[in-house]
mmCIF file of all heavy atoms, coordinates in Angstrom:
data_MODEL
# 
_entry.id   MODEL 
# 
loop_
_atom_site.group_PDB 
_atom_site.id 
_atom_site.type_symbol 
_atom_site.label_atom_id 
_atom_site.label_alt_id 
_atom_site.label_comp_id 
_atom_site.label_asym_id 
_atom_site.label_entity_id 
_atom_site.label_seq_id 
_atom_site.pdbx_PDB_ins_code 
_atom_site.Cartn_x 
_atom_site.Cartn_y 
_atom_site.Cartn_z 
_atom_site.occupancy 
_atom_site.B_iso_or_equiv 
_atom_site.pdbx_formal_charge 
_atom_site.auth_seq_id 
_atom_site.auth_comp_id 
_atom_site.auth_asym_id 
_atom_site.auth_atom_id 
_atom_site.pdbx_PDB_model_num 
ATOM 1   N N   . ALA A 1 1  ? 35.512 -24.618 -70.500 1.00 0.00 ? 1  ALA A N   1 
ATOM 2   C CA  . ALA A 1 1  ? 34.289 -24.662 -71.307 1.00 0.00 ? 1  ALA A CA  1 
ATOM 3   C C   . ALA A 1 1  ? 34.425 -25.702 -72.422 1.00 0.00 ? 1  ALA A C   1 
ATOM 4   O O   . ALA A 1 1  ? 33.494 -26.482 -72.667 1.00 0.00 ? 1  ALA A O   1 
ATOM 5   C CB  . ALA A 1 1  ? 33.994 -23.284 -71.888 1.00 0.00 ? 1  ALA A CB  1 
ATOM 6   N N   . LEU A 1 2  ? 35.570 -25.731 -73.081 1.00 0.00 ? 2  LEU A N   1 
ATOM 7   C CA  . LEU A 1 2  ? 35.799 -26.721 -74.141 1.00 0.00 ? 2  LEU A CA  1 
ATOM 8   C C   . LEU A 1 2  ? 35.796 -28.142 -73.581 1.00 0.00 ? 2  LEU A C   1 
ATOM 9   O O   . LEU A 1 2  ? 35.223 -29.057 -74.174 1.00 0.00 ? 2  LEU A O   1 
ATOM 10  C CB  . LEU A 1 2  ? 37.132 -26.452 -74.843 1.00 0.00 ? 2  LEU A CB  1 
ATOM 11  C CG  . LEU A 1 2  ? 37.202 -25.218 -75.729 1.00 0.00 ? 2  LEU A CG  1 
ATOM 12  C CD1 . LEU A 1 2  ? 38.647 -24.932 -76.133 1.00 0.00 ? 2  LEU A CD1 1 
ATOM 13  C CD2 . LEU A 1 2  ? 36.320 -25.394 -76.960 1.00 0.00 ? 2  LEU A CD2 1 
ATOM 14  N N   . ALA A 1 3  ? 36.449 -28.334 -72.434 1.00 0.00 ? 3  ALA A N   1 
ATOM 15  C CA  . ALA A 1 3  ? 36.537 -29.662 -71.829 1.00 0.00 ? 3  ALA A CA  1 
ATOM 16  C C   . ALA A 1 3  ? 35.175 -30.167 -71.363 1.00 0.00 ? 3  ALA A C   1 
ATOM 17  O O   . ALA A 1 3  ? 34.898 -31.361 -71.431 1.00 0.00 ? 3  ALA A O   1 
ATOM 18  C CB  . ALA A 1 3  ? 37.520 -29.646 -70.659 1.00 0.00 ? 3  ALA A CB  1 
ATOM 19  N N   . ARG A 1 4  ? 34.348 -29.260 -70.890 1.00 0.00 ? 4  ARG A N   1 
ATOM 20  C CA  . ARG A 1 4  ? 33.007 -29.667 -70.452 1.00 0.00 ? 4  ARG A CA  1 
ATOM 21  C C   . ARG A 1 4  ? 32.129 -30.046 -71.637 1.00 0.00 ? 4  ARG A C   1 
ATOM 22  O O   . ARG A 1 4  ? 31.276 -30.914 -71.516 1.00 0.00 ? 4  ARG A O   1 
ATOM 23  C CB  . ARG A 1 4  ? 32.358 -28.549 -69.644 1.00 0.00 ? 4  ARG A CB  1 
ATOM 24  C CG  . ARG A 1 4  ? 32.940 -28.429 -68.258 1.00 0.00 ? 4  ARG A CG  1 
ATOM 25  C CD  . ARG A 1 4  ? 32.334 -27.292 -67.482 1.00 0.00 ? 4  ARG A CD  1 
ATOM 26  N NE  . ARG A 1 4  ? 32.790 -27.311 -66.097 1.00 0.00 ? 4  ARG A NE  1 
ATOM 27  C CZ  . ARG A 1 4  ? 32.727 -26.278 -65.284 1.00 0.00 ? 4  ARG A CZ  1 
ATOM 28  N NH1 . ARG A 1 4  ? 32.237 -25.116 -65.709 1.00 0.00 ? 4  ARG A NH1 1 
ATOM 29  N NH2 . ARG A 1 4  ? 33.150 -26.383 -64.039 1.00 0.00 ? 4  ARG A NH2 1 
ATOM 30  N N   . THR A 1 5  ? 32.343 -29.400 -72.767 1.00 0.00 ? 5  THR A N   1 
ATOM 31  C CA  . THR A 1 5  ? 31.563 -29.689 -73.974 1.00 0.00 ? 5  THR A CA  1 
ATOM 32  C C   . THR A 1 5  ? 32.006 -30.983 -74.637 1.00 0.00 ? 5  THR A C   1 
ATOM 33  O O   . THR A 1 5  ? 31.183 -31.786 -75.053 1.00 0.00 ? 5  THR A O   1 
ATOM 34  C CB  . THR A 1 5  ? 31.707 -28.527 -74.992 1.00 0.00 ? 5  THR A CB  1 
ATOM 35  O OG1 . THR A 1 5  ? 31.285 -27.324 -74.366 1.00 0.00 ? 5  THR A OG1 1 
ATOM 36  C CG2 . THR A 1 5  ? 30.886 -28.775 -76.229 1.00 0.00 ? 5  THR A CG2 1 
ATOM 37  N N   . ASN A 1 6  ? 33.312 -31.147 -74.750 1.00 0.00 ? 6  ASN A N   1 
ATOM 38  C CA  . ASN A 1 6  ? 33.878 -32.321 -75.409 1.00 0.00 ? 6  ASN A CA  1 
ATOM 39  C C   . ASN A 1 6  ? 35.141 -32.731 -74.658 1.00 0.00 ? 6  ASN A C   1 
ATOM 40  O O   . ASN A 1 6  ? 36.234 -32.269 -74.989 1.00 0.00 ? 6  ASN A O   1 
ATOM 41  C CB  . ASN A 1 6  ? 34.185 -31.988 -76.873 1.00 0.00 ? 6  ASN A CB  1 
ATOM 42  C CG  . ASN A 1 6  ? 34.526 -33.211 -77.685 1.00 0.00 ? 6  ASN A CG  1 
ATOM 43  O OD1 . ASN A 1 6  ? 34.348 -34.333 -77.222 1.00 0.00 ? 6  ASN A OD1 1 
ATOM 44  N ND2 . ASN A 1 6  ? 35.027 -33.007 -78.879 1.00 0.00 ? 6  ASN A ND2 1 
ATOM 45  N N   . PRO A 1 7  ? 35.037 -33.587 -73.639 1.00 0.00 ? 7  PRO A N   1 
ATOM 46  C CA  . PRO A 1 7  ? 36.180 -33.926 -72.791 1.00 0.00 ? 7  PRO A CA  1 
ATOM 47  C C   . PRO A 1 7  ? 37.364 -34.492 -73.582 1.00 0.00 ? 7  PRO A C   1 
ATOM 48  O O   . PRO A 1 7  ? 37.208 -35.440 -74.354 1.00 0.00 ? 7  PRO A O   1 
ATOM 49  C CB  . PRO A 1 7  ? 35.620 -34.988 -71.838 1.00 0.00 ? 7  PRO A CB  1 
ATOM 50  C CG  . PRO A 1 7  ? 34.147 -34.767 -71.844 1.00 0.00 ? 7  PRO A CG  1 
ATOM 51  C CD  . PRO A 1 7  ? 33.822 -34.274 -73.227 1.00 0.00 ? 7  PRO A CD  1 
ATOM 52  N N   . PRO A 1 8  ? 38.539 -33.890 -73.403 1.00 0.00 ? 8  PRO A N   1 
ATOM 53  C CA  . PRO A 1 8  ? 39.736 -34.392 -74.085 1.00 0.00 ? 8  PRO A CA  1 
ATOM 54  C C   . PRO A 1 8  ? 40.313 -35.599 -73.346 1.00 0.00 ? 8  PRO A C   1 
ATOM 55  O O   . PRO A 1 8  ? 39.971 -35.859 -72.192 1.00 0.00 ? 8  PRO A O   1 
ATOM 56  C CB  . PRO A 1 8  ? 40.697 -33.205 -74.001 1.00 0.00 ? 8  PRO A CB  1 
ATOM 57  C CG  . PRO A 1 8  ? 40.318 -32.534 -72.728 1.00 0.00 ? 8  PRO A CG  1 
ATOM 58  C CD  . PRO A 1 8  ? 38.824 -32.687 -72.625 1.00 0.00 ? 8  PRO A CD  1 
ATOM 59  N N   . ASP A 1 9  ? 41.200 -36.303 -73.999 1.00 0.00 ? 9  ASP A N   1 
ATOM 60  C CA  . ASP A 1 9  ? 41.898 -37.417 -73.358 1.00 0.00 ? 9  ASP A CA  1 
ATOM 61  C C   . ASP A 1 9  ? 43.053 -36.919 -72.493 1.00 0.00 ? 9  ASP A C   1 
ATOM 62  O O   . ASP A 1 9  ? 43.442 -37.576 -71.530 1.00 0.00 ? 9  ASP A O   1 
ATOM 63  C CB  . ASP A 1 9  ? 42.436 -38.375 -74.424 1.00 0.00 ? 9  ASP A CB  1 
ATOM 64  C CG  . ASP A 1 9  ? 41.304 -38.983 -75.239 1.00 0.00 ? 9  ASP A CG  1 
ATOM 65  O OD1 . ASP A 1 9  ? 40.488 -39.710 -74.645 1.00 0.00 ? 9  ASP A OD1 1 
ATOM 66  O OD2 . ASP A 1 9  ? 41.229 -38.716 -76.450 1.00 0.00 ? 9  ASP A OD2 1 
ATOM 67  N N   . LEU A 1 10 ? 43.600 -35.754 -72.847 1.00 0.00 ? 10 LEU A N   1 
ATOM 68  C CA  . LEU A 1 10 ? 44.752 -35.196 -72.148 1.00 0.00 ? 10 LEU A CA  1 
ATOM 69  C C   . LEU A 1 10 ? 44.687 -33.679 -72.208 1.00 0.00 ? 10 LEU A C   1 
ATOM 70  O O   . LEU A 1 10 ? 44.306 -33.123 -73.247 1.00 0.00 ? 10 LEU A O   1 
ATOM 71  C CB  . LEU A 1 10 ? 46.044 -35.676 -72.828 1.00 0.00 ? 10 LEU A CB  1 
ATOM 72  C CG  . LEU A 1 10 ? 47.372 -35.127 -72.318 1.00 0.00 ? 10 LEU A CG  1 
ATOM 73  C CD1 . LEU A 1 10 ? 47.658 -35.618 -70.904 1.00 0.00 ? 10 LEU A CD1 1 
ATOM 74  C CD2 . LEU A 1 10 ? 48.498 -35.519 -73.269 1.00 0.00 ? 10 LEU A CD2 1 
ATOM 75  N N   . ILE A 1 11 ? 45.026 -33.029 -71.102 1.00 0.00 ? 11 ILE A N   1 
ATOM 76  C CA  . ILE A 1 11 ? 45.128 -31.570 -71.071 1.00 0.00 ? 11 ILE A CA  1 
ATOM 77  C C   . ILE A 1 11 ? 46.568 -31.215 -70.739 1.00 0.00 ? 11 ILE A C   1 
ATOM 78  O O   . ILE A 1 11 ? 47.123 -31.689 -69.746 1.00 0.00 ? 11 ILE A O   1 
ATOM 79  C CB  . ILE A 1 11 ? 44.190 -30.941 -70.018 1.00 0.00 ? 11 ILE A CB  1 
ATOM 80  C CG1 . ILE A 1 11 ? 42.728 -31.254 -70.345 1.00 0.00 ? 11 ILE A CG1 1 
ATOM 81  C CG2 . ILE A 1 11 ? 44.415 -29.429 -69.941 1.00 0.00 ? 11 ILE A CG2 1 
ATOM 82  C CD1 . ILE A 1 11 ? 41.737 -30.791 -69.282 1.00 0.00 ? 11 ILE A CD1 1 
ATOM 83  N N   . ILE A 1 12 ? 47.164 -30.379 -71.588 1.00 0.00 ? 12 ILE A N   1 
ATOM 84  C CA  . ILE A 1 12 ? 48.501 -29.845 -71.339 1.00 0.00 ? 12 ILE A CA  1 
ATOM 85  C C   . ILE A 1 12 ? 48.320 -28.352 -71.144 1.00 0.00 ? 12 ILE A C   1 
ATOM 86  O O   . ILE A 1 12 ? 47.880 -27.652 -72.060 1.00 0.00 ? 12 ILE A O   1 
ATOM 87  C CB  . ILE A 1 12 ? 49.457 -30.137 -72.507 1.00 0.00 ? 12 ILE A CB  1 
ATOM 88  C CG1 . ILE A 1 12 ? 49.595 -31.647 -72.707 1.00 0.00 ? 12 ILE A CG1 1 
ATOM 89  C CG2 . ILE A 1 12 ? 50.811 -29.479 -72.254 1.00 0.00 ? 12 ILE A CG2 1 
ATOM 90  C CD1 . ILE A 1 12 ? 50.395 -32.040 -73.906 1.00 0.00 ? 12 ILE A CD1 1 
ATOM 91  N N   . SER A 1 13 ? 48.648 -27.868 -69.950 1.00 0.00 ? 13 SER A N   1 
ATOM 92  C CA  . SER A 1 13 ? 48.339 -26.484 -69.617 1.00 0.00 ? 13 SER A CA  1 
ATOM 93  C C   . SER A 1 13 ? 49.535 -25.714 -69.088 1.00 0.00 ? 13 SER A C   1 
ATOM 94  O O   . SER A 1 13 ? 50.342 -26.231 -68.319 1.00 0.00 ? 13 SER A O   1 
ATOM 95  C CB  . SER A 1 13 ? 47.227 -26.448 -68.561 1.00 0.00 ? 13 SER A CB  1 
ATOM 96  O OG  . SER A 1 13 ? 46.929 -25.124 -68.186 1.00 0.00 ? 13 SER A OG  1 
ATOM 97  N N   . ASP A 1 14 ? 49.606 -24.457 -69.503 1.00 0.00 ? 14 ASP A N   1 
ATOM 98  C CA  . ASP A 1 14 ? 50.500 -23.490 -68.902 1.00 0.00 ? 14 ASP A CA  1 
ATOM 99  C C   . ASP A 1 14 ? 49.988 -23.258 -67.480 1.00 0.00 ? 14 ASP A C   1 
ATOM 100 O O   . ASP A 1 14 ? 48.820 -23.520 -67.172 1.00 0.00 ? 14 ASP A O   1 
ATOM 101 C CB  . ASP A 1 14 ? 50.446 -22.201 -69.722 1.00 0.00 ? 14 ASP A CB  1 
ATOM 102 C CG  . ASP A 1 14 ? 51.455 -21.154 -69.300 1.00 0.00 ? 14 ASP A CG  1 
ATOM 103 O OD1 . ASP A 1 14 ? 52.328 -21.460 -68.460 1.00 0.00 ? 14 ASP A OD1 1 
ATOM 104 O OD2 . ASP A 1 14 ? 51.380 -20.031 -69.807 1.00 0.00 ? 14 ASP A OD2 1 
ATOM 105 N N   . VAL A 1 15 ? 50.832 -22.780 -66.599 1.00 0.00 ? 15 VAL A N   1 
ATOM 106 C CA  . VAL A 1 15 ? 50.401 -22.520 -65.232 1.00 0.00 ? 15 VAL A CA  1 
ATOM 107 C C   . VAL A 1 15 ? 49.958 -21.072 -65.056 1.00 0.00 ? 15 VAL A C   1 
ATOM 108 O O   . VAL A 1 15 ? 48.888 -20.803 -64.524 1.00 0.00 ? 15 VAL A O   1 
ATOM 109 C CB  . VAL A 1 15 ? 51.530 -22.875 -64.230 1.00 0.00 ? 15 VAL A CB  1 
ATOM 110 C CG1 . VAL A 1 15 ? 51.135 -22.495 -62.820 1.00 0.00 ? 15 VAL A CG1 1 
ATOM 111 C CG2 . VAL A 1 15 ? 51.845 -24.353 -64.296 1.00 0.00 ? 15 VAL A CG2 1 
ATOM 112 N N   . LEU A 1 16 ? 50.764 -20.141 -65.517 1.00 0.00 ? 16 LEU A N   1 
ATOM 113 C CA  . LEU A 1 16 ? 50.470 -18.721 -65.332 1.00 0.00 ? 16 LEU A CA  1 
ATOM 114 C C   . LEU A 1 16 ? 49.783 -18.160 -66.573 1.00 0.00 ? 16 LEU A C   1 
ATOM 115 O O   . LEU A 1 16 ? 50.402 -18.001 -67.623 1.00 0.00 ? 16 LEU A O   1 
ATOM 116 C CB  . LEU A 1 16 ? 51.749 -17.943 -65.041 1.00 0.00 ? 16 LEU A CB  1 
ATOM 117 C CG  . LEU A 1 16 ? 52.510 -18.389 -63.788 1.00 0.00 ? 16 LEU A CG  1 
ATOM 118 C CD1 . LEU A 1 16 ? 53.811 -17.628 -63.677 1.00 0.00 ? 16 LEU A CD1 1 
ATOM 119 C CD2 . LEU A 1 16 ? 51.659 -18.199 -62.552 1.00 0.00 ? 16 LEU A CD2 1 
ATOM 120 N N   . MET A 1 17 ? 48.473 -17.888 -66.437 1.00 0.00 ? 17 MET A N   1 
ATOM 121 C CA  . MET A 1 17 ? 47.671 -17.346 -67.530 1.00 0.00 ? 17 MET A CA  1 
ATOM 122 C C   . MET A 1 17 ? 46.655 -16.371 -66.962 1.00 0.00 ? 17 MET A C   1 
ATOM 123 O O   . MET A 1 17 ? 46.271 -16.476 -65.796 1.00 0.00 ? 17 MET A O   1 
ATOM 124 C CB  . MET A 1 17 ? 46.901 -18.474 -68.242 1.00 0.00 ? 17 MET A CB  1 
ATOM 125 C CG  . MET A 1 17 ? 47.746 -19.518 -68.896 1.00 0.00 ? 17 MET A CG  1 
ATOM 126 S SD  . MET A 1 17 ? 46.752 -20.831 -69.637 1.00 0.00 ? 17 MET A SD  1 
ATOM 127 C CE  . MET A 1 17 ? 46.132 -21.673 -68.179 1.00 0.00 ? 17 MET A CE  1 
ATOM 128 N N   . PRO A 1 18 ? 46.189 -15.437 -67.785 1.00 0.00 ? 18 PRO A N   1 
ATOM 129 C CA  . PRO A 1 18 ? 45.131 -14.532 -67.328 1.00 0.00 ? 18 PRO A CA  1 
ATOM 130 C C   . PRO A 1 18 ? 43.789 -15.256 -67.265 1.00 0.00 ? 18 PRO A C   1 
ATOM 131 O O   . PRO A 1 18 ? 43.658 -16.369 -67.783 1.00 0.00 ? 18 PRO A O   1 
ATOM 132 C CB  . PRO A 1 18 ? 45.120 -13.439 -68.401 1.00 0.00 ? 18 PRO A CB  1 
ATOM 133 C CG  . PRO A 1 18 ? 45.639 -14.107 -69.621 1.00 0.00 ? 18 PRO A CG  1 
ATOM 134 C CD  . PRO A 1 18 ? 46.633 -15.131 -69.132 1.00 0.00 ? 18 PRO A CD  1 
ATOM 135 N N   . VAL A 1 19 ? 42.821 -14.650 -66.656 1.00 0.00 ? 19 VAL A N   1 
ATOM 136 C CA  . VAL A 1 19 ? 41.440 -15.126 -66.524 1.00 0.00 ? 19 VAL A CA  1 
ATOM 137 C C   . VAL A 1 19 ? 41.356 -16.302 -65.558 1.00 0.00 ? 19 VAL A C   1 
ATOM 138 O O   . VAL A 1 19 ? 40.732 -16.206 -64.521 1.00 0.00 ? 19 VAL A O   1 
ATOM 139 C CB  . VAL A 1 19 ? 40.786 -15.469 -67.880 1.00 0.00 ? 19 VAL A CB  1 
ATOM 140 C CG1 . VAL A 1 19 ? 39.342 -15.897 -67.686 1.00 0.00 ? 19 VAL A CG1 1 
ATOM 141 C CG2 . VAL A 1 19 ? 40.897 -14.318 -68.867 1.00 0.00 ? 19 VAL A CG2 1 
ATOM 142 N N   . MET A 1 20 ? 41.944 -17.439 -65.896 1.00 0.00 ? 20 MET A N   1 
ATOM 143 C CA  . MET A 1 20 ? 41.985 -18.616 -65.016 1.00 0.00 ? 20 MET A CA  1 
ATOM 144 C C   . MET A 1 20 ? 43.320 -19.299 -65.242 1.00 0.00 ? 20 MET A C   1 
ATOM 145 O O   . MET A 1 20 ? 43.643 -19.691 -66.355 1.00 0.00 ? 20 MET A O   1 
ATOM 146 C CB  . MET A 1 20 ? 40.830 -19.582 -65.329 1.00 0.00 ? 20 MET A CB  1 
ATOM 147 C CG  . MET A 1 20 ? 40.869 -20.861 -64.502 1.00 0.00 ? 20 MET A CG  1 
ATOM 148 S SD  . MET A 1 20 ? 39.649 -22.094 -65.011 1.00 0.00 ? 20 MET A SD  1 
ATOM 149 C CE  . MET A 1 20 ? 38.234 -21.575 -64.076 1.00 0.00 ? 20 MET A CE  1 
ATOM 150 N N   . ASP A 1 21 ? 44.100 -19.445 -64.175 1.00 0.00 ? 21 ASP A N   1 
ATOM 151 C CA  . ASP A 1 21 ? 45.420 -20.057 -64.332 1.00 0.00 ? 21 ASP A CA  1 
ATOM 152 C C   . ASP A 1 21 ? 45.323 -21.578 -64.356 1.00 0.00 ? 21 ASP A C   1 
ATOM 153 O O   . ASP A 1 21 ? 44.253 -22.158 -64.192 1.00 0.00 ? 21 ASP A O   1 
ATOM 154 C CB  . ASP A 1 21 ? 46.386 -19.565 -63.253 1.00 0.00 ? 21 ASP A CB  1 
ATOM 155 C CG  . ASP A 1 21 ? 46.004 -19.993 -61.839 1.00 0.00 ? 21 ASP A CG  1 
ATOM 156 O OD1 . ASP A 1 21 ? 45.242 -20.964 -61.669 1.00 0.00 ? 21 ASP A OD1 1 
ATOM 157 O OD2 . ASP A 1 21 ? 46.480 -19.349 -60.893 1.00 0.00 ? 21 ASP A OD2 1 
ATOM 158 N N   . GLY A 1 22 ? 46.450 -22.220 -64.578 1.00 0.00 ? 22 GLY A N   1 
ATOM 159 C CA  . GLY A 1 22 ? 46.492 -23.670 -64.683 1.00 0.00 ? 22 GLY A CA  1 
ATOM 160 C C   . GLY A 1 22 ? 46.092 -24.391 -63.406 1.00 0.00 ? 22 GLY A C   1 
ATOM 161 O O   . GLY A 1 22 ? 45.498 -25.466 -63.447 1.00 0.00 ? 22 GLY A O   1 
ATOM 162 N N   . TYR A 1 23 ? 46.409 -23.796 -62.249 1.00 0.00 ? 23 TYR A N   1 
ATOM 163 C CA  . TYR A 1 23 ? 46.029 -24.407 -60.974 1.00 0.00 ? 23 TYR A CA  1 
ATOM 164 C C   . TYR A 1 23 ? 44.514 -24.425 -60.807 1.00 0.00 ? 23 TYR A C   1 
ATOM 165 O O   . TYR A 1 23 ? 43.928 -25.430 -60.406 1.00 0.00 ? 23 TYR A O   1 
ATOM 166 C CB  . TYR A 1 23 ? 46.671 -23.669 -59.800 1.00 0.00 ? 23 TYR A CB  1 
ATOM 167 C CG  . TYR A 1 23 ? 48.177 -23.740 -59.785 1.00 0.00 ? 23 TYR A CG  1 
ATOM 168 C CD1 . TYR A 1 23 ? 48.942 -22.589 -59.958 1.00 0.00 ? 23 TYR A CD1 1 
ATOM 169 C CD2 . TYR A 1 23 ? 48.848 -24.943 -59.608 1.00 0.00 ? 23 TYR A CD2 1 
ATOM 170 C CE1 . TYR A 1 23 ? 50.333 -22.645 -59.937 1.00 0.00 ? 23 TYR A CE1 1 
ATOM 171 C CE2 . TYR A 1 23 ? 50.229 -25.008 -59.593 1.00 0.00 ? 23 TYR A CE2 1 
ATOM 172 C CZ  . TYR A 1 23 ? 50.962 -23.858 -59.759 1.00 0.00 ? 23 TYR A CZ  1 
ATOM 173 O OH  . TYR A 1 23 ? 52.327 -23.910 -59.750 1.00 0.00 ? 23 TYR A OH  1 
ATOM 174 N N   . ALA A 1 24 ? 43.872 -23.301 -61.117 1.00 0.00 ? 24 ALA A N   1 
ATOM 175 C CA  . ALA A 1 24 ? 42.415 -23.216 -61.004 1.00 0.00 ? 24 ALA A CA  1 
ATOM 176 C C   . ALA A 1 24 ? 41.748 -24.155 -62.019 1.00 0.00 ? 24 ALA A C   1 
ATOM 177 O O   . ALA A 1 24 ? 40.722 -24.774 -61.717 1.00 0.00 ? 24 ALA A O   1 
ATOM 178 C CB  . ALA A 1 24 ? 41.950 -21.781 -61.212 1.00 0.00 ? 24 ALA A CB  1 
ATOM 179 N N   . LEU A 1 25 ? 42.331 -24.261 -63.207 1.00 0.00 ? 25 LEU A N   1 
ATOM 180 C CA  . LEU A 1 25 ? 41.801 -25.182 -64.212 1.00 0.00 ? 25 LEU A CA  1 
ATOM 181 C C   . LEU A 1 25 ? 41.865 -26.615 -63.706 1.00 0.00 ? 25 LEU A C   1 
ATOM 182 O O   . LEU A 1 25 ? 40.898 -27.362 -63.822 1.00 0.00 ? 25 LEU A O   1 
ATOM 183 C CB  . LEU A 1 25 ? 42.593 -25.050 -65.521 1.00 0.00 ? 25 LEU A CB  1 
ATOM 184 C CG  . LEU A 1 25 ? 42.271 -26.065 -66.616 1.00 0.00 ? 25 LEU A CG  1 
ATOM 185 C CD1 . LEU A 1 25 ? 40.821 -25.969 -67.047 1.00 0.00 ? 25 LEU A CD1 1 
ATOM 186 C CD2 . LEU A 1 25 ? 43.208 -25.859 -67.806 1.00 0.00 ? 25 LEU A CD2 1 
ATOM 187 N N   . ARG A 1 26 ? 42.967 -26.991 -63.113 1.00 0.00 ? 26 ARG A N   1 
ATOM 188 C CA  . ARG A 1 26 ? 43.112 -28.349 -62.566 1.00 0.00 ? 26 ARG A CA  1 
ATOM 189 C C   . ARG A 1 26 ? 42.074 -28.625 -61.493 1.00 0.00 ? 26 ARG A C   1 
ATOM 190 O O   . ARG A 1 26 ? 41.422 -29.664 -61.494 1.00 0.00 ? 26 ARG A O   1 
ATOM 191 C CB  . ARG A 1 26 ? 44.515 -28.546 -62.000 1.00 0.00 ? 26 ARG A CB  1 
ATOM 192 C CG  . ARG A 1 26 ? 44.720 -29.929 -61.394 1.00 0.00 ? 26 ARG A CG  1 
ATOM 193 C CD  . ARG A 1 26 ? 46.091 -30.042 -60.740 1.00 0.00 ? 26 ARG A CD  1 
ATOM 194 N NE  . ARG A 1 26 ? 46.249 -31.309 -60.084 1.00 0.00 ? 26 ARG A NE  1 
ATOM 195 C CZ  . ARG A 1 26 ? 45.786 -31.607 -58.863 1.00 0.00 ? 26 ARG A CZ  1 
ATOM 196 N NH1 . ARG A 1 26 ? 45.114 -30.706 -58.177 1.00 0.00 ? 26 ARG A NH1 1 
ATOM 197 N NH2 . ARG A 1 26 ? 45.985 -32.798 -58.339 1.00 0.00 ? 26 ARG A NH2 1 
ATOM 198 N N   . ARG A 1 27 ? 41.906 -27.678 -60.571 1.00 0.00 ? 27 ARG A N   1 
ATOM 199 C CA  . ARG A 1 27 ? 40.918 -27.855 -59.498 1.00 0.00 ? 27 ARG A CA  1 
ATOM 200 C C   . ARG A 1 27 ? 39.509 -28.014 -60.083 1.00 0.00 ? 27 ARG A C   1 
ATOM 201 O O   . ARG A 1 27 ? 38.742 -28.871 -59.651 1.00 0.00 ? 27 ARG A O   1 
ATOM 202 C CB  . ARG A 1 27 ? 40.966 -26.686 -58.517 1.00 0.00 ? 27 ARG A CB  1 
ATOM 203 C CG  . ARG A 1 27 ? 42.147 -26.724 -57.576 1.00 0.00 ? 27 ARG A CG  1 
ATOM 204 C CD  . ARG A 1 27 ? 42.026 -25.692 -56.461 1.00 0.00 ? 27 ARG A CD  1 
ATOM 205 N NE  . ARG A 1 27 ? 41.975 -24.338 -56.946 1.00 0.00 ? 27 ARG A NE  1 
ATOM 206 C CZ  . ARG A 1 27 ? 43.050 -23.569 -57.193 1.00 0.00 ? 27 ARG A CZ  1 
ATOM 207 N NH1 . ARG A 1 27 ? 44.253 -24.052 -56.996 1.00 0.00 ? 27 ARG A NH1 1 
ATOM 208 N NH2 . ARG A 1 27 ? 42.905 -22.330 -57.635 1.00 0.00 ? 27 ARG A NH2 1 
ATOM 209 N N   . ALA A 1 28 ? 39.166 -27.182 -61.066 1.00 0.00 ? 28 ALA A N   1 
ATOM 210 C CA  . ALA A 1 28 ? 37.837 -27.247 -61.669 1.00 0.00 ? 28 ALA A CA  1 
ATOM 211 C C   . ALA A 1 28 ? 37.631 -28.569 -62.401 1.00 0.00 ? 28 ALA A C   1 
ATOM 212 O O   . ALA A 1 28 ? 36.548 -29.163 -62.311 1.00 0.00 ? 28 ALA A O   1 
ATOM 213 C CB  . ALA A 1 28 ? 37.640 -26.081 -62.628 1.00 0.00 ? 28 ALA A CB  1 
ATOM 214 N N   . CYS A 1 29 ? 38.650 -29.047 -63.087 1.00 0.00 ? 29 CYS A N   1 
ATOM 215 C CA  . CYS A 1 29 ? 38.543 -30.339 -63.777 1.00 0.00 ? 29 CYS A CA  1 
ATOM 216 C C   . CYS A 1 29 ? 38.350 -31.491 -62.794 1.00 0.00 ? 29 CYS A C   1 
ATOM 217 O O   . CYS A 1 29 ? 37.573 -32.407 -63.044 1.00 0.00 ? 29 CYS A O   1 
ATOM 218 C CB  . CYS A 1 29 ? 39.772 -30.588 -64.651 1.00 0.00 ? 29 CYS A CB  1 
ATOM 219 S SG  . CYS A 1 29 ? 39.842 -29.580 -66.134 1.00 0.00 ? 29 CYS A SG  1 
# 
């Protein structure tokens, strides 16, 4: 949601997280 509102230059993400993990975030991006 934050990235869609104001796209960052770089995303650093954990992989294992609740709600949406890092893999799903990458695919959505």
